[in-house]
């Protein structure tokens, strides 16, 4: 659907919301530019706008389908750029990636938003009040401010992920044992999603910084240079998080393995002790079992010292076995 449609001249809004059918005519007559904002439009919605402003068909198709990687494409008189705003849901350790597509002409901006990011509304409010930080005007000002806010989000998300990585690291190397592989792997997946939003943006910002994009205000190069620098910093942070999470995952696996080995050693020790005591208990059990049989003709049944001899033999064998097991470390 259409969020807003207005004309801006000399950096200020000069009209209330206008009908979409008038936008193309006004864009041809004004010295400023017309900004049309579309929110999760259907193909029919965007095709209606595309027909008025002669937008490239391939770019329109990409803007409708969404799920595009950040990129910048230049067509005849139209610049098409895809940006990926992100936000970090700390409670779920989830990186939520949205999408903004911008069509920029000399006198018009068509923005396509997929998701719920408030960035475009913020830029429009700043533009309406004439308080854009860069002081730029025209479609270039919109492009710079949107990309600048998105890259600022990258820094915030990188800082939030850094806190969670530090927390996981403390848990893995802390005194309490436990397997944190699932949480580490899940956060590593989110870092990968974050990387997909950030790394492809390096080249578009470089092209804008060096002036290799037509119809871009030359005064904006220094501002895009700053945006490019922040993108590189965010990319470096992402690579650092990825490497650190890989190291933490390996350390977690090693620590879990050591813990399992300790358990196995304790179990083996327990089994040896149980086996040793069972062997010691077998001697009196066997002897008592033999003499517990009710037969008349058994040796030593009528011997006066038979009972004492059997008890002494049992005790002697048990003591001998105990010492042998003790000496071998089984007890």
Protein backbone atom coordinates (compact mmCIF):
# COMPACT_ATOMS: atom_id res chain seq x y z
CA UNK A 1 0.00 0.00 0.00
CA UNK A 2 1.05 3.65 -0.35
CA UNK A 3 2.39 5.11 2.87
CA UNK A 4 2.84 8.70 1.70
CA UNK A 5 3.27 10.73 -1.47
CA UNK A 6 4.54 14.30 -1.31
CA UNK A 7 6.75 16.81 -3.11
CA UNK A 8 9.84 18.42 -1.53
CA UNK A 9 11.48 21.61 -2.72
CA UNK A 10 14.66 23.21 -1.37
CA UNK A 11 14.85 20.55 1.32
CA UNK A 12 11.33 21.14 2.68
CA UNK A 13 7.96 19.54 2.13
CA UNK A 14 5.86 21.84 -0.03
CA UNK A 15 2.63 19.88 -0.25
CA UNK A 16 0.29 17.70 1.67
CA UNK A 17 -0.21 14.13 0.62
CA UNK A 18 -1.00 14.10 -3.07
CA UNK A 19 -2.82 11.49 -5.17
CA UNK A 20 -0.56 8.96 -6.79
CA UNK A 21 -1.86 9.86 -10.24
CA UNK A 22 -0.40 13.38 -9.95
CA UNK A 23 3.04 12.31 -8.74
CA UNK A 24 4.68 11.75 -12.13
CA UNK A 25 3.39 15.06 -13.53
CA UNK A 26 4.56 17.02 -10.49
CA UNK A 27 7.98 15.30 -10.62
CA UNK A 28 8.48 16.57 -14.17
CA UNK A 29 7.54 20.14 -13.25
CA UNK A 30 9.18 20.61 -9.85
CA UNK A 31 12.74 21.72 -9.19
CA UNK A 32 12.70 19.46 -6.13
CA UNK A 33 11.57 15.85 -6.00
CA UNK A 34 8.57 13.66 -5.27
CA UNK A 35 8.83 10.89 -2.66
CA UNK A 36 6.42 7.97 -2.91
CA UNK A 37 6.56 5.49 -0.05
CA UNK A 38 5.22 1.96 -0.55
CA UNK A 39 4.77 -0.51 2.29
CA UNK A 40 4.90 -4.20 1.34
CA UNK A 41 3.25 -3.51 -2.02
CA UNK A 42 1.77 -6.09 -4.32
CA UNK A 43 3.03 -6.47 -7.88
CA UNK A 44 0.01 -4.48 -9.10
CA UNK A 45 0.74 -1.60 -6.70
CA UNK A 46 4.38 -1.31 -7.73
CA UNK A 47 3.64 -1.78 -11.43
CA UNK A 48 1.25 1.18 -11.27
CA UNK A 49 4.04 3.37 -9.91
CA UNK A 50 6.59 1.85 -12.31
CA UNK A 51 4.43 2.74 -15.29
CA UNK A 52 4.31 6.40 -14.26
CA UNK A 53 8.05 6.77 -13.58
CA UNK A 54 9.32 4.31 -16.20
CA UNK A 55 11.06 2.14 -13.61
CA UNK A 56 13.17 -0.78 -14.92
CA UNK A 57 11.18 -4.03 -15.00
CA UNK A 58 13.93 -6.22 -13.53
CA UNK A 59 14.39 -3.87 -10.58
CA UNK A 60 10.63 -3.74 -10.02
CA UNK A 61 10.51 -7.53 -9.93
CA UNK A 62 13.32 -7.60 -7.33
CA UNK A 63 11.57 -4.97 -5.22
CA UNK A 64 8.32 -6.95 -5.16
CA UNK A 65 9.85 -10.33 -4.39
CA UNK A 66 12.12 -9.01 -1.63
CA UNK A 67 14.73 -11.30 -0.02
CA UNK A 68 17.40 -9.61 -2.13
CA UNK A 69 21.00 -9.13 -1.07
CA UNK A 70 22.16 -5.50 -0.71
CA UNK A 71 23.11 -4.13 -4.12
CA UNK A 72 23.24 -1.02 -6.26
CA UNK A 73 22.24 -1.05 -9.93
CA UNK A 74 22.22 1.85 -12.36
CA UNK A 75 19.69 1.95 -15.19
CA UNK A 76 18.92 4.69 -17.69
CA UNK A 77 18.18 7.63 -15.43
CA UNK A 78 17.23 5.46 -12.44
CA UNK A 79 19.33 4.20 -9.53
CA UNK A 80 18.08 1.08 -7.78
CA UNK A 81 19.52 0.15 -4.39
CA UNK A 82 18.56 -2.54 -1.90
CA UNK A 83 19.38 -2.09 1.80
CA UNK A 84 18.84 -4.51 4.69
CA UNK A 85 17.94 -2.95 8.06
CA UNK A 86 18.51 -5.22 11.04
CA UNK A 87 17.56 -5.31 14.68
CA UNK A 88 18.60 -7.65 17.46
CA UNK A 89 16.03 -9.31 19.70
CA UNK A 90 18.19 -9.91 22.74
CA UNK A 91 15.69 -12.07 24.64
CA UNK A 92 15.68 -14.62 21.78
CA UNK A 93 19.22 -13.90 20.54
CA UNK A 94 17.71 -13.36 17.10
CA UNK A 95 18.85 -11.07 14.28
CA UNK A 96 15.75 -9.84 12.45
CA UNK A 97 16.54 -8.70 8.91
CA UNK A 98 14.15 -6.53 6.88
CA UNK A 99 14.45 -4.92 3.46
CA UNK A 100 14.23 -1.50 1.86
CA UNK A 101 14.42 -0.88 -1.88
CA UNK A 102 14.91 2.63 -3.28
CA UNK A 103 14.35 3.87 -6.82
CA UNK A 104 16.10 7.21 -7.28
CA UNK A 105 15.62 9.53 -10.22
CA UNK A 106 16.61 13.13 -10.71
CA UNK A 107 13.27 14.34 -9.37
CA UNK A 108 11.72 11.38 -7.61
CA UNK A 109 12.25 8.76 -4.92
CA UNK A 110 10.21 5.57 -4.73
CA UNK A 111 10.81 3.62 -1.53
CA UNK A 112 9.60 0.05 -1.04
CA UNK A 113 9.58 -1.29 2.50
CA UNK A 114 9.30 -4.95 3.49
CA UNK A 115 8.98 -5.40 7.24
CA UNK A 116 8.24 -3.01 10.08
CA UNK A 117 11.35 -0.87 10.21
CA UNK A 118 10.59 2.75 11.21
CA UNK A 119 13.66 4.16 9.43
CA UNK A 120 11.83 5.55 6.42
CA UNK A 121 9.27 7.27 8.63
CA UNK A 122 12.10 8.79 10.66
CA UNK A 123 13.84 10.11 7.54
CA UNK A 124 10.58 11.55 6.22
CA UNK A 125 9.92 13.34 9.52
CA UNK A 126 13.44 14.80 9.50
CA UNK A 127 12.97 15.86 5.90
CA UNK A 128 9.56 17.40 6.65
CA UNK A 129 11.08 19.47 9.43
CA UNK A 130 14.17 20.42 7.41
CA UNK A 131 16.55 18.89 9.93
CA UNK A 132 18.52 16.33 7.92
CA UNK A 133 21.93 16.11 9.67
CA UNK A 134 23.92 16.13 6.42
CA UNK A 135 22.37 19.30 5.04
CA UNK A 136 22.00 17.60 1.66
CA UNK A 137 18.88 17.98 -0.48
CA UNK A 138 17.19 15.95 -3.16
CA UNK A 139 17.06 12.17 -3.62
CA UNK A 140 20.74 11.93 -2.64
CA UNK A 141 19.84 13.24 0.81
CA UNK A 142 17.21 10.52 1.24
CA UNK A 143 19.63 7.81 0.12
CA UNK A 144 22.37 9.00 2.44
CA UNK A 145 20.17 9.38 5.50
CA UNK A 146 18.52 5.97 5.06
CA UNK A 147 21.84 4.19 4.54
CA UNK A 148 23.40 6.10 7.46
CA UNK A 149 20.64 5.03 9.87
CA UNK A 150 20.83 1.44 8.68
CA UNK A 151 24.58 1.31 9.21
CA UNK A 152 24.12 2.82 12.68
CA UNK A 153 21.83 -0.13 13.39
CA UNK A 154 24.63 -2.47 12.34
CA UNK A 155 26.87 -0.99 15.02
CA UNK A 156 24.16 -1.42 17.67
CA UNK A 157 23.48 -5.02 16.67
CA UNK A 158 27.21 -5.82 16.63
CA UNK A 159 27.55 -4.43 20.17
CA UNK A 160 24.56 -6.49 21.39
CA UNK A 161 25.96 -9.67 19.84
CA UNK A 162 29.33 -8.91 21.42
CA UNK A 163 27.67 -8.89 24.85
CA UNK A 164 26.07 -12.30 24.23
CA UNK A 165 29.33 -13.75 22.91
CA UNK A 166 31.11 -12.56 26.05
CA UNK A 167 28.36 -14.13 28.20
CA UNK A 168 28.65 -17.47 26.40
CA UNK A 169 32.43 -17.36 26.70
CA UNK A 170 32.16 -16.81 30.45
CA UNK A 171 29.74 -19.75 30.75
CA UNK A 172 31.96 -22.12 28.76
CA UNK A 173 35.06 -21.28 30.77
CA UNK A 174 33.26 -20.89 34.10
CA UNK A 175 33.30 -23.26 37.05
CA UNK A 176 29.94 -24.85 36.27
CA UNK A 177 30.10 -27.58 33.70
CA UNK A 178 27.54 -27.86 30.93
CA UNK A 179 27.09 -28.25 27.20
CA UNK A 180 26.45 -24.88 25.51
CA UNK A 181 26.87 -26.12 21.93
CA UNK A 182 23.25 -25.50 20.95
CA UNK A 183 23.27 -21.87 22.06
CA UNK A 184 26.65 -21.25 20.43
CA UNK A 185 25.54 -22.78 17.15
CA UNK A 186 22.27 -20.84 17.18
CA UNK A 187 24.08 -17.53 17.74
CA UNK A 188 26.57 -18.45 15.04
CA UNK A 189 23.65 -18.88 12.63
CA UNK A 190 22.38 -15.40 13.53
CA UNK A 191 25.83 -13.93 12.93
CA UNK A 192 25.72 -15.54 9.49
CA UNK A 193 22.38 -13.83 8.76
CA UNK A 194 23.87 -10.56 9.95
CA UNK A 195 26.84 -11.03 7.62
CA UNK A 196 24.52 -11.50 4.64
CA UNK A 197 22.98 -8.10 5.35
CA UNK A 198 26.27 -6.25 5.86
CA UNK A 199 29.06 -7.56 3.62
CA UNK A 200 27.33 -7.03 0.23
CA UNK A 201 26.76 -3.39 1.16
CA UNK A 202 30.50 -2.60 1.14
CA UNK A 203 30.71 -2.32 -2.65
CA UNK A 204 27.62 -0.05 -3.14
CA UNK A 205 28.86 2.35 -0.47
CA UNK A 206 32.31 2.36 -2.05
CA UNK A 207 30.82 3.25 -5.43
CA UNK A 208 28.82 6.08 -3.87
CA UNK A 209 31.89 7.27 -1.97
CA UNK A 210 34.08 7.40 -5.08
CA UNK A 211 31.48 9.09 -7.27
CA UNK A 212 31.04 6.17 -9.66
CA UNK A 213 27.25 6.52 -9.59
CA UNK A 214 25.64 9.07 -11.94
CA UNK A 215 23.20 11.72 -10.74
CA UNK A 216 24.55 11.60 -7.19
CA UNK A 217 25.36 14.94 -5.59
CA UNK A 218 29.20 15.26 -5.56
CA UNK A 219 29.00 16.94 -2.15
CA UNK A 220 27.65 13.69 -0.71
CA UNK A 221 30.88 11.74 -1.27
CA UNK A 222 32.33 12.67 2.11
CA UNK A 223 29.13 11.54 3.82
CA UNK A 224 29.07 8.22 1.98
CA UNK A 225 32.73 7.80 2.91
CA UNK A 226 31.69 7.87 6.54
CA UNK A 227 28.92 5.33 5.88
CA UNK A 228 31.39 3.09 4.04
CA UNK A 229 33.78 3.26 6.97
CA UNK A 230 31.04 2.19 9.39
CA UNK A 231 30.06 -0.71 7.12
CA UNK A 232 33.67 -1.92 7.13
CA UNK A 233 33.78 -1.70 10.92
CA UNK A 234 30.58 -3.71 11.22
CA UNK A 235 31.97 -6.30 8.78
CA UNK A 236 35.14 -6.60 10.89
CA UNK A 237 33.05 -7.08 14.02
CA UNK A 238 31.04 -9.81 12.34
CA UNK A 239 34.19 -11.67 11.30
CA UNK A 240 35.55 -11.35 14.83
CA UNK A 241 32.33 -12.71 16.32
CA UNK A 242 32.31 -15.62 13.89
CA UNK A 243 35.90 -16.62 14.65
CA UNK A 244 35.40 -16.22 18.38
CA UNK A 245 32.23 -18.33 18.34
CA UNK A 246 34.08 -21.05 16.41
CA UNK A 247 36.84 -21.04 19.03
CA UNK A 248 34.31 -21.09 21.87
CA UNK A 249 32.47 -23.99 20.23
CA UNK A 250 35.69 -25.99 19.99
CA UNK A 251 36.53 -25.18 23.60
CA UNK A 252 33.03 -26.22 24.67
CA UNK A 253 33.38 -29.55 22.83
CA UNK A 254 36.79 -30.12 24.43
CA UNK A 255 35.50 -29.32 27.88
CA UNK A 256 32.46 -31.57 27.46
CA UNK A 257 34.77 -34.37 26.27
CA UNK A 258 37.00 -33.91 29.31
CA UNK A 259 33.95 -34.03 31.55
CA UNK A 260 32.71 -37.19 29.87
CA UNK A 261 36.15 -38.74 30.25
CA UNK A 262 36.13 -37.93 33.95
CA UNK A 263 32.74 -39.58 34.30
CA UNK A 264 34.00 -42.63 32.44
CA UNK A 265 37.06 -42.84 34.70
CA UNK A 266 34.88 -42.60 37.80
CA UNK A 267 32.57 -45.28 36.43
CA UNK A 268 35.52 -47.54 35.71
CA UNK A 269 36.83 -47.01 39.23
CA UNK A 270 33.40 -47.81 40.64
CA UNK A 271 33.16 -50.95 38.53
CA UNK A 272 36.59 -52.13 39.71
CA UNK A 273 35.59 -51.60 43.32
CA UNK A 274 32.33 -53.44 42.83
CA UNK A 275 34.11 -56.30 41.06
CA UNK A 276 36.75 -56.52 43.81
CA UNK A 277 34.19 -56.68 46.61
CA UNK A 278 32.15 -59.18 44.62
CA UNK A 279 35.24 -61.39 44.26
CA UNK A 280 35.95 -61.16 47.98
CA UNK A 281 32.34 -61.97 48.83
CA UNK A 282 32.42 -64.94 46.45
CA UNK A 283 34.81 -66.95 48.65
CA UNK A 284 32.68 -67.15 51.81
CA UNK A 285 29.57 -67.53 49.69
CA UNK A 286 31.02 -70.52 47.85
CA UNK A 287 32.34 -72.22 50.96
CA UNK A 288 29.15 -71.57 52.91
CA UNK A 289 27.15 -72.84 49.98
CA UNK A 290 29.09 -76.10 49.85
CA UNK A 291 28.80 -76.79 53.57
CA UNK A 292 25.19 -75.75 53.54
CA UNK A 293 24.26 -78.80 51.49
CA UNK A 294 22.53 -81.49 53.53
CA UNK A 295 24.68 -84.56 52.79
CA UNK A 296 25.67 -87.15 55.41
CA UNK A 297 29.04 -88.08 53.93
CA UNK A 298 30.98 -84.79 53.82
CA UNK A 299 34.60 -84.35 54.96
CA UNK A 300 35.24 -82.66 58.26
CA UNK A 301 31.56 -82.66 59.30
CA UNK A 302 32.42 -84.65 62.42
CA UNK A 303 35.81 -82.99 62.96
CA UNK A 304 36.01 -81.05 66.18
CA UNK A 305 37.89 -78.10 64.67
CA UNK A 306 36.18 -78.11 61.26
CA UNK A 307 34.09 -74.98 61.85
CA UNK A 308 37.02 -72.93 63.09
CA UNK A 309 39.20 -74.14 60.23
CA UNK A 310 36.62 -73.14 57.60
CA UNK A 311 36.14 -69.69 59.17
CA UNK A 312 39.91 -69.20 59.28
CA UNK A 313 40.27 -70.25 55.64
CA UNK A 314 37.48 -67.83 54.61
CA UNK A 315 39.05 -64.96 56.56
CA UNK A 316 42.51 -65.68 55.21
CA UNK A 317 41.40 -65.83 51.61
CA UNK A 318 39.32 -62.65 51.96
CA UNK A 319 42.20 -60.74 53.57
CA UNK A 320 44.57 -61.96 50.85
CA UNK A 321 42.20 -60.85 48.10
CA UNK A 322 41.62 -57.48 49.80
CA UNK A 323 45.35 -56.79 49.98
CA UNK A 324 45.84 -57.85 46.38
CA UNK A 325 43.07 -55.58 45.12
CA UNK A 326 44.30 -52.73 47.32
CA UNK A 327 47.80 -53.09 45.97
CA UNK A 328 46.53 -52.99 42.38
CA UNK A 329 44.40 -49.92 43.00
CA UNK A 330 41.04 -51.58 42.73
CA UNK A 331 40.07 -50.64 46.29
